[in-house]
Amino acid sequence: MEKKPKQQRINKDEINWNLYRIFIDVYEEGSLTVPAKRIGITRSAIAYHMRELSNRLGVKLFDANPYGLDPTNEAHNLYVKAKQASKILAEGELATQTFDQDSVAVIKMAMPSPVAAAISRKFFKDFSQKYKNIKFEFFQKNSLELLHHKKIDFMIEDEQIFKNYKFSFMEVFESELILIASKNFLKQNGLSEIMTKEQFLQQPIIGHKQFIDKFSDATGITIEPTILVQMTSMVTDFVSSDMGIGLHFGGLFEKINKDDNLVRIEIKDVPATRSQKFKTVCAYNEDALSKASKTFMEQLVKSMSRNV
């Protein structure tokens, strides 16, 4: 019979908050290894801290399994309260941080190319001019893992990307996915702005893989792109050069189509792509958010609400 940890008498003034932060990491990861790498200490040190917490509380917190750790019922109950306390502490830290135009900080973010193209360059320019001592670091590879391990401040992406993660979110904008073509391309190929599915499938298609997949999911039409791009701005360039039909952000398209050379395309008897909405959000860890990053996200959301 396994020996139950002997409970120690806990003085509320001697609570070790670091133990609870580590406990939250272990609980969420179901592992000692990942928190150890994140914090920068050994796996055995994490195990020691969990034994210490278990002894302080007089309960068993985890059971070992072939793949990691299973939390006990006591651990479940503790996690709920510890997470609430962590949120309160994070809010307190955030509230006491000072941040003004002279503040020095580094904002680390991940932002995939199609989203970056939708965000106004003017916003970055204005923010950088206002907060002259803020530096930016952009990440693309392994972005989700970097955010999950709190190596970056936030990530801007389609909300569906984060469905398996426990992040906090701030909505940046909601947009629609549309098809566009140049008037010259339509004229050269004897097409109109409303075409049949067969006509559409015979045309060169230009887009980012993320948008191609969304289009296929929304319409049931499987397409092989002729030109696969990494940036939405490249879609505009290729379509403007009469090279095919492109997939684009609805709100952004209205802004960039100043010469009125580009038009929206509709496909007969197919659900209108313009009715397919998707949300782009800032995902972040609530307990690891700096005042600088929070300010950036809030001002970005305000800017995008006016522009997209």
C-alpha atoms as a PDB file:
ATOM      1  CA  MET A   1       0.000   0.000   0.000  1.00  0.00           C
ATOM      2  CA  GLU A   2       1.438   3.342  -1.043  1.00  0.00           C
ATOM      3  CA  LYS A   3       2.313   5.642   1.822  1.00  0.00           C
ATOM      4  CA  LYS A   4       0.329   8.878   1.885  1.00  0.00           C
ATOM      5  CA  PRO A   5       2.453  12.032   2.166  1.00  0.00           C
ATOM      6  CA  LYS A   6       2.487  13.483   5.646  1.00  0.00           C
ATOM      7  CA  GLN A   7       0.869  16.904   5.634  1.00  0.00           C
ATOM      8  CA  GLN A   8       2.965  19.796   6.872  1.00  0.00           C
ATOM      9  CA  ARG A   9       1.509  22.782   8.638  1.00  0.00           C
ATOM     10  CA  ILE A  10       1.452  25.641   6.127  1.00  0.00           C
ATOM     11  CA  ASN A  11       1.849  29.234   7.194  1.00  0.00           C
ATOM     12  CA  LYS A  12       0.021  31.453   4.681  1.00  0.00           C
ATOM     13  CA  ASP A  13       2.905  33.927   4.879  1.00  0.00           C
ATOM     14  CA  GLU A  14       5.324  31.226   3.754  1.00  0.00           C
ATOM     15  CA  ILE A  15       3.511  30.083   0.605  1.00  0.00           C
ATOM     16  CA  ASN A  16       6.035  29.326  -2.135  1.00  0.00           C
ATOM     17  CA  TRP A  17       4.377  30.699  -5.270  1.00  0.00           C
ATOM     18  CA  ASN A  18       7.158  29.280  -7.400  1.00  0.00           C
ATOM     19  CA  LEU A  19       6.056  25.761  -6.467  1.00  0.00           C
ATOM     20  CA  TYR A  20       2.561  26.502  -7.712  1.00  0.00           C
ATOM     21  CA  ARG A  21       3.812  27.982 -10.985  1.00  0.00           C
ATOM     22  CA  ILE A  22       5.814  24.804 -11.571  1.00  0.00           C
ATOM     23  CA  PHE A  23       2.822  22.687 -10.555  1.00  0.00           C
ATOM     24  CA  ILE A  24       0.626  24.456 -13.129  1.00  0.00           C
ATOM     25  CA  ASP A  25       3.213  23.738 -15.834  1.00  0.00           C
ATOM     26  CA  VAL A  26       3.504  20.070 -14.862  1.00  0.00           C
ATOM     27  CA  TYR A  27      -0.274  19.674 -14.693  1.00  0.00           C
ATOM     28  CA  GLU A  28      -0.835  21.248 -18.110  1.00  0.00           C
ATOM     29  CA  GLU A  29       1.988  19.342 -19.790  1.00  0.00           C
ATOM     30  CA  GLY A  30       1.469  16.001 -18.058  1.00  0.00           C
ATOM     31  CA  SER A  31       5.235  15.815 -17.960  1.00  0.00           C
ATOM     32  CA  LEU A  32       8.328  16.795 -15.994  1.00  0.00           C
ATOM     33  CA  THR A  33      10.521  17.162 -19.063  1.00  0.00           C
ATOM     34  CA  VAL A  34       8.763  20.036 -20.836  1.00  0.00           C
ATOM     35  CA  PRO A  35       8.537  22.324 -17.760  1.00  0.00           C
ATOM     36  CA  ALA A  36      12.196  21.559 -16.989  1.00  0.00           C
ATOM     37  CA  LYS A  37      13.262  22.715 -20.462  1.00  0.00           C
ATOM     38  CA  ARG A  38      11.049  25.784 -20.275  1.00  0.00           C
ATOM     39  CA  ILE A  39      12.330  26.897 -16.866  1.00  0.00           C
ATOM     40  CA  GLY A  40      15.912  25.851 -17.500  1.00  0.00           C
ATOM     41  CA  ILE A  41      16.405  23.389 -14.654  1.00  0.00           C
ATOM     42  CA  THR A  42      16.789  19.612 -14.531  1.00  0.00           C
ATOM     43  CA  ARG A  43      13.954  17.115 -14.665  1.00  0.00           C
ATOM     44  CA  SER A  44      14.969  15.812 -11.240  1.00  0.00           C
ATOM     45  CA  ALA A  45      14.691  19.342  -9.835  1.00  0.00           C
ATOM     46  CA  ILE A  46      11.103  19.566 -11.115  1.00  0.00           C
ATOM     47  CA  ALA A  47      10.350  16.184  -9.522  1.00  0.00           C
ATOM     48  CA  TYR A  48      11.855  17.406  -6.230  1.00  0.00           C
ATOM     49  CA  HIS A  49       9.627  20.509  -6.262  1.00  0.00           C
ATOM     50  CA  MET A  50       6.520  18.396  -6.920  1.00  0.00           C
ATOM     51  CA  ARG A  51       7.412  16.086  -4.015  1.00  0.00           C
ATOM     52  CA  GLU A  52       7.914  19.162  -1.844  1.00  0.00           C
ATOM     53  CA  LEU A  53       4.470  20.508  -2.757  1.00  0.00           C
ATOM     54  CA  SER A  54       2.898  17.091  -2.272  1.00  0.00           C
ATOM     55  CA  ASN A  55       4.434  16.849   1.216  1.00  0.00           C
ATOM     56  CA  ARG A  56       3.328  20.361   2.131  1.00  0.00           C
ATOM     57  CA  LEU A  57      -0.270  19.503   1.226  1.00  0.00           C
ATOM     58  CA  GLY A  58      -0.279  15.905   2.451  1.00  0.00           C
ATOM     59  CA  VAL A  59      -1.772  14.582  -0.797  1.00  0.00           C
ATOM     60  CA  LYS A  60      -0.546  12.735  -3.850  1.00  0.00           C
ATOM     61  CA  LEU A  61      -0.647  14.950  -6.920  1.00  0.00           C
ATOM     62  CA  PHE A  62       0.401  12.726  -9.828  1.00  0.00           C
ATOM     63  CA  ASP A  63       0.469   9.093 -10.908  1.00  0.00           C
ATOM     64  CA  ALA A  64       3.078   7.941 -13.402  1.00  0.00           C
ATOM     65  CA  ASN A  65       1.996   6.444 -16.731  1.00  0.00           C
ATOM     66  CA  PRO A  66       4.085   5.128 -19.676  1.00  0.00           C
ATOM     67  CA  TYR A  67       3.866   8.518 -21.394  1.00  0.00           C
ATOM     68  CA  GLY A  68       4.142  10.954 -18.494  1.00  0.00           C
ATOM     69  CA  LEU A  69       1.982  11.878 -15.504  1.00  0.00           C
ATOM     70  CA  ASP A  70      -1.721  11.619 -14.683  1.00  0.00           C
ATOM     71  CA  PRO A  71      -3.047  14.198 -12.198  1.00  0.00           C
ATOM     72  CA  THR A  72      -5.009  12.897  -9.206  1.00  0.00           C
ATOM     73  CA  ASN A  73      -8.383  14.317  -8.170  1.00  0.00           C
ATOM     74  CA  GLU A  74      -6.567  16.390  -5.556  1.00  0.00           C
ATOM     75  CA  ALA A  75      -4.347  17.785  -8.301  1.00  0.00           C
ATOM     76  CA  HIS A  76      -7.409  18.697 -10.388  1.00  0.00           C
ATOM     77  CA  ASN A  77      -8.875  20.663  -7.502  1.00  0.00           C
ATOM     78  CA  LEU A  78      -5.566  22.340  -6.723  1.00  0.00           C
ATOM     79  CA  TYR A  79      -5.016  23.290 -10.376  1.00  0.00           C
ATOM     80  CA  VAL A  80      -8.310  25.187 -10.589  1.00  0.00           C
ATOM     81  CA  LYS A  81      -7.426  27.303  -7.556  1.00  0.00           C
ATOM     82  CA  ALA A  82      -3.758  27.686  -8.476  1.00  0.00           C
ATOM     83  CA  LYS A  83      -4.693  28.856 -11.975  1.00  0.00           C
ATOM     84  CA  GLN A  84      -7.085  31.428 -10.543  1.00  0.00           C
ATOM     85  CA  ALA A  85      -4.388  32.678  -8.168  1.00  0.00           C
ATOM     86  CA  SER A  86      -1.842  32.806 -11.005  1.00  0.00           C
ATOM     87  CA  LYS A  87      -4.223  34.931 -13.066  1.00  0.00           C
ATOM     88  CA  ILE A  88      -4.730  37.340 -10.170  1.00  0.00           C
ATOM     89  CA  LEU A  89      -0.974  37.632  -9.623  1.00  0.00           C
ATOM     90  CA  ALA A  90      -0.395  38.239 -13.338  1.00  0.00           C
ATOM     91  CA  GLU A  91      -3.068  40.935 -13.368  1.00  0.00           C
ATOM     92  CA  GLY A  92      -1.448  42.522 -10.333  1.00  0.00           C
ATOM     93  CA  GLU A  93       1.981  42.531 -11.962  1.00  0.00           C
ATOM     94  CA  LEU A  94       0.523  43.976 -15.147  1.00  0.00           C
ATOM     95  CA  ALA A  95      -1.310  46.693 -13.231  1.00  0.00           C
ATOM     96  CA  THR A  96       1.842  47.807 -11.418  1.00  0.00           C
ATOM     97  CA  GLN A  97       4.081  47.860 -14.506  1.00  0.00           C
ATOM     98  CA  THR A  98       4.730  51.308 -15.888  1.00  0.00           C
ATOM     99  CA  PHE A  99       4.624  51.791 -19.638  1.00  0.00           C
ATOM    100  CA  ASP A 100       4.842  55.086 -21.457  1.00  0.00           C
ATOM    101  CA  GLN A 101       6.460  56.580 -24.538  1.00  0.00           C
ATOM    102  CA  ASP A 102       9.924  56.372 -22.944  1.00  0.00           C
ATOM    103  CA  SER A 103       9.645  52.742 -21.815  1.00  0.00           C
ATOM    104  CA  VAL A 104      12.248  50.257 -23.028  1.00  0.00           C
ATOM    105  CA  ALA A 105      10.980  46.808 -24.013  1.00  0.00           C
ATOM    106  CA  VAL A 106      11.227  44.010 -26.554  1.00  0.00           C
ATOM    107  CA  ILE A 107       8.036  42.617 -28.078  1.00  0.00           C
ATOM    108  CA  LYS A 108       8.367  39.067 -29.403  1.00  0.00           C
ATOM    109  CA  MET A 109       5.609  37.974 -31.752  1.00  0.00           C
ATOM    110  CA  ALA A 110       4.731  35.414 -34.380  1.00  0.00           C
ATOM    111  CA  MET A 111       2.740  36.556 -37.357  1.00  0.00           C
ATOM    112  CA  PRO A 112       2.331  34.473 -40.532  1.00  0.00           C
ATOM    113  CA  SER A 113       2.767  36.197 -43.867  1.00  0.00           C
ATOM    114  CA  PRO A 114      -0.879  36.442 -45.006  1.00  0.00           C
ATOM    115  CA  VAL A 115      -1.860  38.064 -41.721  1.00  0.00           C
ATOM    116  CA  ALA A 116       1.156  40.371 -41.787  1.00  0.00           C
ATOM    117  CA  ALA A 117       0.036  41.599 -45.190  1.00  0.00           C
ATOM    118  CA  ALA A 118      -3.371  42.502 -43.801  1.00  0.00           C
ATOM    119  CA  ILE A 119      -1.994  44.555 -40.945  1.00  0.00           C
ATOM    120  CA  SER A 120      -1.318  48.121 -41.881  1.00  0.00           C
ATOM    121  CA  ARG A 121       2.329  49.071 -42.224  1.00  0.00           C
ATOM    122  CA  LYS A 122       1.219  52.491 -41.107  1.00  0.00           C
ATOM    123  CA  PHE A 123       0.225  50.998 -37.730  1.00  0.00           C
ATOM    124  CA  PHE A 124       3.726  49.623 -37.133  1.00  0.00           C
ATOM    125  CA  LYS A 125       5.258  52.897 -38.238  1.00  0.00           C
ATOM    126  CA  ASP A 126       3.010  54.976 -35.979  1.00  0.00           C
ATOM    127  CA  PHE A 127       3.534  52.652 -32.990  1.00  0.00           C
ATOM    128  CA  SER A 128       7.315  52.673 -33.459  1.00  0.00           C
ATOM    129  CA  GLN A 129       7.397  56.452 -33.709  1.00  0.00           C
ATOM    130  CA  LYS A 130       5.312  56.825 -30.559  1.00  0.00           C
ATOM    131  CA  TYR A 131       7.273  54.251 -28.547  1.00  0.00           C
ATOM    132  CA  LYS A 132      10.799  54.847 -29.813  1.00  0.00           C
ATOM    133  CA  ASN A 133      12.483  52.471 -27.334  1.00  0.00           C
ATOM    134  CA  ILE A 134      10.415  49.427 -28.261  1.00  0.00           C
ATOM    135  CA  LYS A 135      12.145  46.732 -30.300  1.00  0.00           C
ATOM    136  CA  PHE A 136      10.401  43.947 -32.193  1.00  0.00           C
ATOM    137  CA  GLU A 137      11.393  40.341 -32.812  1.00  0.00           C
ATOM    138  CA  PHE A 138       9.362  38.340 -35.341  1.00  0.00           C
ATOM    139  CA  PHE A 139       9.159  34.541 -35.422  1.00  0.00           C
ATOM    140  CA  GLN A 140       7.638  32.165 -37.995  1.00  0.00           C
ATOM    141  CA  LYS A 141       9.064  28.682 -37.450  1.00  0.00           C
ATOM    142  CA  ASN A 142       7.596  26.587 -34.584  1.00  0.00           C
ATOM    143  CA  SER A 143       5.437  29.548 -33.559  1.00  0.00           C
ATOM    144  CA  LEU A 144       2.829  27.531 -31.672  1.00  0.00           C
ATOM    145  CA  GLU A 145       5.427  25.721 -29.626  1.00  0.00           C
ATOM    146  CA  LEU A 146       7.251  28.966 -28.881  1.00  0.00           C
ATOM    147  CA  LEU A 147       4.019  30.503 -27.606  1.00  0.00           C
ATOM    148  CA  HIS A 148       3.094  27.370 -25.694  1.00  0.00           C
ATOM    149  CA  HIS A 149       6.469  27.433 -23.953  1.00  0.00           C
ATOM    150  CA  LYS A 150       6.182  31.191 -23.340  1.00  0.00           C
ATOM    151  CA  LYS A 151       9.208  32.026 -25.462  1.00  0.00           C
ATOM    152  CA  ILE A 152       7.248  34.694 -27.358  1.00  0.00           C
ATOM    153  CA  ASP A 153       4.670  37.201 -26.147  1.00  0.00           C
ATOM    154  CA  PHE A 154       1.840  36.505 -28.566  1.00  0.00           C
ATOM    155  CA  MET A 155       0.916  35.068 -31.947  1.00  0.00           C
ATOM    156  CA  ILE A 156      -1.503  36.493 -34.501  1.00  0.00           C
ATOM    157  CA  GLU A 157      -3.311  33.807 -36.493  1.00  0.00           C
ATOM    158  CA  ASP A 158      -6.634  32.253 -37.470  1.00  0.00           C
ATOM    159  CA  GLU A 159      -8.420  31.274 -34.256  1.00  0.00           C
ATOM    160  CA  GLN A 160      -8.837  27.675 -35.471  1.00  0.00           C
ATOM    161  CA  ILE A 161      -5.075  27.187 -35.254  1.00  0.00           C
ATOM    162  CA  PHE A 162      -5.282  27.440 -31.452  1.00  0.00           C
ATOM    163  CA  LYS A 163      -8.232  25.123 -30.800  1.00  0.00           C
ATOM    164  CA  ASN A 164      -6.083  22.534 -28.987  1.00  0.00           C
ATOM    165  CA  TYR A 165      -4.300  25.070 -26.772  1.00  0.00           C
ATOM    166  CA  LYS A 166      -5.287  26.904 -23.601  1.00  0.00           C
ATOM    167  CA  PHE A 167      -4.359  30.434 -24.619  1.00  0.00           C
ATOM    168  CA  SER A 168      -6.153  33.700 -23.978  1.00  0.00           C
ATOM    169  CA  PHE A 169      -7.370  35.619 -27.007  1.00  0.00           C
ATOM    170  CA  MET A 170      -7.924  39.123 -28.270  1.00  0.00           C
ATOM    171  CA  GLU A 171      -9.803  39.367 -31.572  1.00  0.00           C
ATOM    172  CA  VAL A 172      -7.903  41.391 -34.177  1.00  0.00           C
ATOM    173  CA  PHE A 173     -10.385  41.297 -37.021  1.00  0.00           C
ATOM    174  CA  GLU A 174     -13.034  39.204 -38.730  1.00  0.00           C
ATOM    175  CA  SER A 175     -12.880  38.958 -42.485  1.00  0.00           C
ATOM    176  CA  GLU A 176     -14.192  37.024 -45.450  1.00  0.00           C
ATOM    177  CA  LEU A 177     -12.410  34.954 -48.055  1.00  0.00           C
ATOM    178  CA  ILE A 178     -13.068  36.096 -51.618  1.00  0.00           C
ATOM    179  CA  LEU A 179     -12.001  35.315 -55.175  1.00  0.00           C
ATOM    180  CA  ILE A 180     -10.544  38.124 -57.272  1.00  0.00           C
ATOM    181  CA  ALA A 181      -9.368  38.585 -60.843  1.00  0.00           C
ATOM    182  CA  SER A 182      -8.310  41.442 -63.079  1.00  0.00           C
ATOM    183  CA  LYS A 183     -10.718  42.806 -65.685  1.00  0.00           C
ATOM    184  CA  ASN A 184      -8.075  42.197 -68.337  1.00  0.00           C
ATOM    185  CA  PHE A 185      -7.744  38.514 -67.353  1.00  0.00           C
ATOM    186  CA  LEU A 186     -11.499  38.024 -67.634  1.00  0.00           C
ATOM    187  CA  LYS A 187     -11.613  39.775 -70.995  1.00  0.00           C
ATOM    188  CA  GLN A 188      -8.656  37.809 -72.388  1.00  0.00           C
ATOM    189  CA  ASN A 189     -10.265  34.498 -71.407  1.00  0.00           C
ATOM    190  CA  GLY A 190     -13.835  35.344 -72.367  1.00  0.00           C
ATOM    191  CA  LEU A 191     -15.043  35.169 -68.761  1.00  0.00           C
ATOM    192  CA  SER A 192     -17.463  37.232 -66.679  1.00  0.00           C
ATOM    193  CA  GLU A 193     -17.455  38.019 -62.970  1.00  0.00           C
ATOM    194  CA  ILE A 194     -19.909  35.149 -62.486  1.00  0.00           C
ATOM    195  CA  MET A 195     -18.642  31.848 -63.893  1.00  0.00           C
ATOM    196  CA  THR A 196     -19.452  28.161 -63.724  1.00  0.00           C
ATOM    197  CA  LYS A 197     -17.552  25.709 -61.550  1.00  0.00           C
ATOM    198  CA  GLU A 198     -16.125  24.088 -64.697  1.00  0.00           C
ATOM    199  CA  GLN A 199     -14.861  27.439 -65.979  1.00  0.00           C
ATOM    200  CA  PHE A 200     -13.321  28.246 -62.605  1.00  0.00           C
ATOM    201  CA  LEU A 201     -11.454  24.941 -62.364  1.00  0.00           C
ATOM    202  CA  GLN A 202      -9.852  25.545 -65.765  1.00  0.00           C
ATOM    203  CA  GLN A 203      -8.231  28.802 -64.613  1.00  0.00           C
ATOM    204  CA  PRO A 204      -4.846  29.365 -62.933  1.00  0.00           C
ATOM    205  CA  ILE A 205      -5.420  29.761 -59.168  1.00  0.00           C
ATOM    206  CA  ILE A 206      -3.189  31.914 -56.971  1.00  0.00           C
ATOM    207  CA  GLY A 207      -3.186  31.815 -53.187  1.00  0.00           C
ATOM    208  CA  HIS A 208      -1.677  30.996 -49.822  1.00  0.00           C
ATOM    209  CA  LYS A 209      -2.072  27.371 -48.704  1.00  0.00           C
ATOM    210  CA  GLN A 210      -4.079  28.452 -45.661  1.00  0.00           C
ATOM    211  CA  PHE A 211      -6.614  30.209 -47.890  1.00  0.00           C
ATOM    212  CA  ILE A 212      -6.688  27.377 -50.440  1.00  0.00           C
ATOM    213  CA  ASP A 213      -7.572  24.918 -47.658  1.00  0.00           C
ATOM    214  CA  LYS A 214     -10.237  27.238 -46.263  1.00  0.00           C
ATOM    215  CA  PHE A 215     -11.777  27.664 -49.700  1.00  0.00           C
ATOM    216  CA  SER A 216     -11.926  23.901 -50.216  1.00  0.00           C
ATOM    217  CA  ASP A 217     -13.498  23.333 -46.793  1.00  0.00           C
ATOM    218  CA  ALA A 218     -16.102  26.060 -47.358  1.00  0.00           C
ATOM    219  CA  THR A 219     -17.135  25.187 -50.918  1.00  0.00           C
ATOM    220  CA  GLY A 220     -16.309  21.521 -51.350  1.00  0.00           C
ATOM    221  CA  ILE A 221     -14.216  22.406 -54.405  1.00  0.00           C
ATOM    222  CA  THR A 222     -10.750  20.872 -54.379  1.00  0.00           C
ATOM    223  CA  ILE A 223      -8.266  22.950 -56.324  1.00  0.00           C
ATOM    224  CA  GLU A 224      -4.588  22.694 -57.100  1.00  0.00           C
ATOM    225  CA  PRO A 225      -3.027  26.170 -57.041  1.00  0.00           C
ATOM    226  CA  THR A 226      -0.987  27.148 -60.056  1.00  0.00           C
ATOM    227  CA  ILE A 227       0.938  29.683 -57.998  1.00  0.00           C
ATOM    228  CA  LEU A 228       1.350  29.057 -54.267  1.00  0.00           C
ATOM    229  CA  VAL A 229       2.466  32.199 -52.447  1.00  0.00           C
ATOM    230  CA  GLN A 230       3.605  33.111 -48.946  1.00  0.00           C
ATOM    231  CA  MET A 231       2.189  36.633 -48.772  1.00  0.00           C
ATOM    232  CA  THR A 232      -1.219  38.068 -49.638  1.00  0.00           C
ATOM    233  CA  SER A 233       0.480  41.020 -51.298  1.00  0.00           C
ATOM    234  CA  MET A 234       1.928  38.555 -53.820  1.00  0.00           C
ATOM    235  CA  VAL A 235      -1.591  37.409 -54.694  1.00  0.00           C
ATOM    236  CA  THR A 236      -2.443  41.009 -55.551  1.00  0.00           C
ATOM    237  CA  ASP A 237       0.706  41.372 -57.655  1.00  0.00           C
ATOM    238  CA  PHE A 238       0.106  38.201 -59.684  1.00  0.00           C
ATOM    239  CA  VAL A 239      -3.619  38.868 -60.174  1.00  0.00           C
ATOM    240  CA  SER A 240      -2.914  42.467 -61.210  1.00  0.00           C
ATOM    241  CA  SER A 241      -0.514  41.053 -63.821  1.00  0.00           C
ATOM    242  CA  ASP A 242      -3.406  39.061 -65.364  1.00  0.00           C
ATOM    243  CA  MET A 243      -1.964  35.704 -64.281  1.00  0.00           C
ATOM    244  CA  GLY A 244      -5.075  34.082 -62.812  1.00  0.00           C
ATOM    245  CA  ILE A 245      -7.741  34.092 -60.104  1.00  0.00           C
ATOM    246  CA  GLY A 246      -6.601  34.767 -56.551  1.00  0.00           C
ATOM    247  CA  LEU A 247      -7.905  34.174 -53.018  1.00  0.00           C
ATOM    248  CA  HIS A 248      -7.833  37.256 -50.828  1.00  0.00           C
ATOM    249  CA  PHE A 249      -9.032  38.983 -47.628  1.00  0.00           C
ATOM    250  CA  GLY A 250     -12.346  40.724 -48.274  1.00  0.00           C
ATOM    251  CA  GLY A 251     -11.750  43.819 -46.162  1.00  0.00           C
ATOM    252  CA  LEU A 252      -8.156  44.251 -47.277  1.00  0.00           C
ATOM    253  CA  PHE A 253      -9.121  43.859 -50.951  1.00  0.00           C
ATOM    254  CA  GLU A 254     -11.428  46.871 -50.736  1.00  0.00           C
ATOM    255  CA  LYS A 255      -8.495  48.946 -49.517  1.00  0.00           C
ATOM    256  CA  ILE A 256      -5.899  47.919 -52.086  1.00  0.00           C
ATOM    257  CA  ASN A 257      -8.168  47.960 -55.151  1.00  0.00           C
ATOM    258  CA  LYS A 258      -7.842  51.705 -55.647  1.00  0.00           C
ATOM    259  CA  ASP A 259      -7.476  51.619 -59.434  1.00  0.00           C
ATOM    260  CA  ASP A 260     -10.627  49.471 -59.743  1.00  0.00           C
ATOM    261  CA  ASN A 261      -8.804  47.056 -62.069  1.00  0.00           C
ATOM    262  CA  LEU A 262      -9.637  44.036 -59.890  1.00  0.00           C
ATOM    263  CA  VAL A 263     -13.084  42.528 -59.384  1.00  0.00           C
ATOM    264  CA  ARG A 264     -14.681  39.884 -57.196  1.00  0.00           C
ATOM    265  CA  ILE A 265     -15.526  36.533 -58.747  1.00  0.00           C
ATOM    266  CA  GLU A 266     -18.594  34.419 -57.987  1.00  0.00           C
ATOM    267  CA  ILE A 267     -19.134  30.770 -58.943  1.00  0.00           C
ATOM    268  CA  LYS A 268     -22.594  29.627 -59.997  1.00  0.00           C
ATOM    269  CA  ASP A 269     -24.347  27.037 -57.821  1.00  0.00           C
ATOM    270  CA  VAL A 270     -21.573  27.124 -55.208  1.00  0.00           C
ATOM    271  CA  PRO A 271     -21.974  28.632 -51.708  1.00  0.00           C
ATOM    272  CA  ALA A 272     -20.727  32.202 -51.948  1.00  0.00           C
ATOM    273  CA  THR A 273     -17.188  32.407 -50.604  1.00  0.00           C
ATOM    274  CA  ARG A 274     -17.931  35.884 -49.320  1.00  0.00           C
ATOM    275  CA  SER A 275     -20.217  34.325 -46.700  1.00  0.00           C
ATOM    276  CA  GLN A 276     -17.320  32.326 -45.249  1.00  0.00           C
ATOM    277  CA  LYS A 277     -16.057  34.350 -42.294  1.00  0.00           C
ATOM    278  CA  PHE A 278     -12.936  33.684 -40.297  1.00  0.00           C
ATOM    279  CA  LYS A 279     -11.455  35.360 -37.235  1.00  0.00           C
ATOM    280  CA  THR A 280      -7.887  36.400 -36.744  1.00  0.00           C
ATOM    281  CA  VAL A 281      -6.846  36.697 -33.097  1.00  0.00           C
ATOM    282  CA  CYS A 282      -3.917  37.525 -30.860  1.00  0.00           C
ATOM    283  CA  ALA A 283      -3.212  34.438 -28.768  1.00  0.00           C
ATOM    284  CA  TYR A 284      -1.179  34.891 -25.591  1.00  0.00           C
ATOM    285  CA  ASN A 285      -0.447  33.445 -22.176  1.00  0.00           C
ATOM    286  CA  GLU A 286      -2.297  35.494 -19.617  1.00  0.00           C
ATOM    287  CA  ASP A 287       0.282  34.866 -16.928  1.00  0.00           C
ATOM    288  CA  ALA A 288       3.199  35.926 -19.153  1.00  0.00           C
ATOM    289  CA  LEU A 289       2.011  39.130 -20.793  1.00  0.00           C
ATOM    290  CA  SER A 290       4.015  42.337 -20.523  1.00  0.00           C
ATOM    291  CA  LYS A 291       2.553  45.819 -20.441  1.00  0.00           C
ATOM    292  CA  ALA A 292       4.295  46.606 -23.736  1.00  0.00           C
ATOM    293  CA  SER A 293       2.740  43.608 -25.495  1.00  0.00           C
ATOM    294  CA  LYS A 294      -0.693  44.313 -24.041  1.00  0.00           C
ATOM    295  CA  THR A 295      -0.491  47.920 -25.216  1.00  0.00           C
ATOM    296  CA  PHE A 296       0.596  46.819 -28.687  1.00  0.00           C
ATOM    297  CA  MET A 297      -2.262  44.325 -29.020  1.00  0.00           C
ATOM    298  CA  GLU A 298      -4.900  46.767 -27.772  1.00  0.00           C
ATOM    299  CA  GLN A 299      -3.783  49.475 -30.175  1.00  0.00           C
ATOM    300  CA  LEU A 300      -3.542  46.964 -33.027  1.00  0.00           C
ATOM    301  CA  VAL A 301      -7.120  45.802 -32.444  1.00  0.00           C
ATOM    302  CA  LYS A 302      -8.310  49.407 -32.366  1.00  0.00           C
ATOM    303  CA  SER A 303      -6.459  50.162 -35.614  1.00  0.00           C
ATOM    304  CA  MET A 304      -7.740  47.049 -37.404  1.00  0.00           C
ATOM    305  CA  SER A 305     -11.358  47.729 -36.386  1.00  0.00           C
ATOM    306  CA  ARG A 306     -11.109  50.884 -38.477  1.00  0.00           C
ATOM    307  CA  ASN A 307      -9.258  49.386 -41.424  1.00  0.00           C
ATOM    308  CA  VAL A 308     -10.468  45.837 -42.151  1.00  0.00           C
END
